[in-house]
Amino acid sequence: MAAITPDTPVDEVLALPGAMTYCIRNGVSPFSCAGEYPGSIGELLERKNAPDPEGFIAGLNELARGADEG
């Protein structure tokens, strides 16, 4: 998977093994009342008032690197 950026769609992020658990553990639900959040991960983090969006995305990229190596 290419590096995750604020512009990466949430559905692409959720395709990463462990991403849903990572989101929930860090207090960000990747879902809306209609299913998966329909925008980018950056938009989702802004909407959820995430305290450290850059750190959150960095953590997702660490998760992605682990999946690529695994």
C-alpha atoms as a PDB file:
ATOM      1  CA  MET A   1       0.000   0.000   0.000  1.00  0.00           C
ATOM      2  CA  ALA A   2       1.227   3.494  -0.800  1.00  0.00           C
ATOM      3  CA  ALA A   3       1.838   5.860   2.084  1.00  0.00           C
ATOM      4  CA  ILE A   4      -1.303   7.040   3.830  1.00  0.00           C
ATOM      5  CA  THR A   5      -1.823  10.799   3.621  1.00  0.00           C
ATOM      6  CA  PRO A   6      -4.665  13.057   4.771  1.00  0.00           C
ATOM      7  CA  ASP A   7      -6.130  12.651   1.259  1.00  0.00           C
ATOM      8  CA  THR A   8      -6.304   8.837   1.403  1.00  0.00           C
ATOM      9  CA  PRO A   9      -9.929   7.640   1.262  1.00  0.00           C
ATOM     10  CA  VAL A  10     -11.167   5.982   4.454  1.00  0.00           C
ATOM     11  CA  ASP A  11     -12.208   2.850   2.549  1.00  0.00           C
ATOM     12  CA  GLU A  12      -8.587   2.382   1.402  1.00  0.00           C
ATOM     13  CA  VAL A  13      -7.356   2.828   4.974  1.00  0.00           C
ATOM     14  CA  LEU A  14      -9.831   0.227   6.237  1.00  0.00           C
ATOM     15  CA  ALA A  15      -8.526  -2.288   3.684  1.00  0.00           C
ATOM     16  CA  LEU A  16      -5.299  -2.344   5.714  1.00  0.00           C
ATOM     17  CA  PRO A  17      -5.268  -5.277   8.166  1.00  0.00           C
ATOM     18  CA  GLY A  18      -5.666  -3.951  11.690  1.00  0.00           C
ATOM     19  CA  ALA A  19      -6.702  -0.435  10.640  1.00  0.00           C
ATOM     20  CA  MET A  20     -10.203  -0.657  12.097  1.00  0.00           C
ATOM     21  CA  THR A  21      -8.831  -1.756  15.460  1.00  0.00           C
ATOM     22  CA  TYR A  22      -6.210   1.010  15.335  1.00  0.00           C
ATOM     23  CA  CYS A  23      -8.905   3.624  14.681  1.00  0.00           C
ATOM     24  CA  ILE A  24     -11.174   2.426  17.488  1.00  0.00           C
ATOM     25  CA  ARG A  25      -8.307   2.129  19.984  1.00  0.00           C
ATOM     26  CA  ASN A  26      -7.345   5.705  19.182  1.00  0.00           C
ATOM     27  CA  GLY A  27     -10.882   7.041  19.626  1.00  0.00           C
ATOM     28  CA  VAL A  28     -11.786   7.572  15.966  1.00  0.00           C
ATOM     29  CA  SER A  29     -14.717   5.619  14.569  1.00  0.00           C
ATOM     30  CA  PRO A  30     -14.263   5.208  10.796  1.00  0.00           C
ATOM     31  CA  PHE A  31     -18.015   4.887  10.316  1.00  0.00           C
ATOM     32  CA  SER A  32     -20.945   7.233   9.849  1.00  0.00           C
ATOM     33  CA  CYS A  33     -24.601   6.325  10.282  1.00  0.00           C
ATOM     34  CA  ALA A  34     -24.604   5.192   6.632  1.00  0.00           C
ATOM     35  CA  GLY A  35     -21.537   2.903   6.823  1.00  0.00           C
ATOM     36  CA  GLU A  36     -17.883   3.657   6.157  1.00  0.00           C
ATOM     37  CA  TYR A  37     -17.040   7.344   6.280  1.00  0.00           C
ATOM     38  CA  PRO A  38     -17.304   8.499   2.640  1.00  0.00           C
ATOM     39  CA  GLY A  39     -14.371  10.935   2.587  1.00  0.00           C
ATOM     40  CA  SER A  40     -10.666  11.040   3.262  1.00  0.00           C
ATOM     41  CA  ILE A  41      -8.918  10.115   6.491  1.00  0.00           C
ATOM     42  CA  GLY A  42      -7.932  13.775   6.908  1.00  0.00           C
ATOM     43  CA  GLU A  43     -11.566  14.892   6.665  1.00  0.00           C
ATOM     44  CA  LEU A  44     -12.592  12.202   9.144  1.00  0.00           C
ATOM     45  CA  LEU A  45      -9.942  13.244  11.658  1.00  0.00           C
ATOM     46  CA  GLU A  46     -10.957  16.892  11.305  1.00  0.00           C
ATOM     47  CA  ARG A  47     -14.627  16.054  11.761  1.00  0.00           C
ATOM     48  CA  LYS A  48     -13.862  13.937  14.845  1.00  0.00           C
ATOM     49  CA  ASN A  49     -11.629  16.701  16.292  1.00  0.00           C
ATOM     50  CA  ALA A  50      -8.707  14.300  16.588  1.00  0.00           C
ATOM     51  CA  PRO A  51      -6.058  15.902  18.820  1.00  0.00           C
ATOM     52  CA  ASP A  52      -3.061  14.805  16.687  1.00  0.00           C
ATOM     53  CA  PRO A  53      -4.030  14.042  13.079  1.00  0.00           C
ATOM     54  CA  GLU A  54      -0.402  13.861  11.906  1.00  0.00           C
ATOM     55  CA  GLY A  55       0.447  11.390  14.671  1.00  0.00           C
ATOM     56  CA  PHE A  56      -2.647   9.337  13.897  1.00  0.00           C
ATOM     57  CA  ILE A  57      -1.691   9.096  10.214  1.00  0.00           C
ATOM     58  CA  ALA A  58       1.924   8.302  11.144  1.00  0.00           C
ATOM     59  CA  GLY A  59       0.603   5.396  13.225  1.00  0.00           C
ATOM     60  CA  LEU A  60      -1.423   4.137  10.283  1.00  0.00           C
ATOM     61  CA  ASN A  61       1.701   4.262   8.127  1.00  0.00           C
ATOM     62  CA  GLU A  62       3.613   2.245  10.742  1.00  0.00           C
ATOM     63  CA  LEU A  63       0.791  -0.293  10.664  1.00  0.00           C
ATOM     64  CA  ALA A  64       0.985  -0.380   6.854  1.00  0.00           C
ATOM     65  CA  ARG A  65       4.761  -0.919   6.936  1.00  0.00           C
ATOM     66  CA  GLY A  66       4.268  -3.828   9.332  1.00  0.00           C
ATOM     67  CA  ALA A  67       1.642  -5.358   7.032  1.00  0.00           C
ATOM     68  CA  ASP A  68       3.961  -4.977   4.024  1.00  0.00           C
ATOM     69  CA  GLU A  69       6.791  -6.707   5.887  1.00  0.00           C
ATOM     70  CA  GLY A  70       4.595  -9.419   7.380  1.00  0.00           C
END
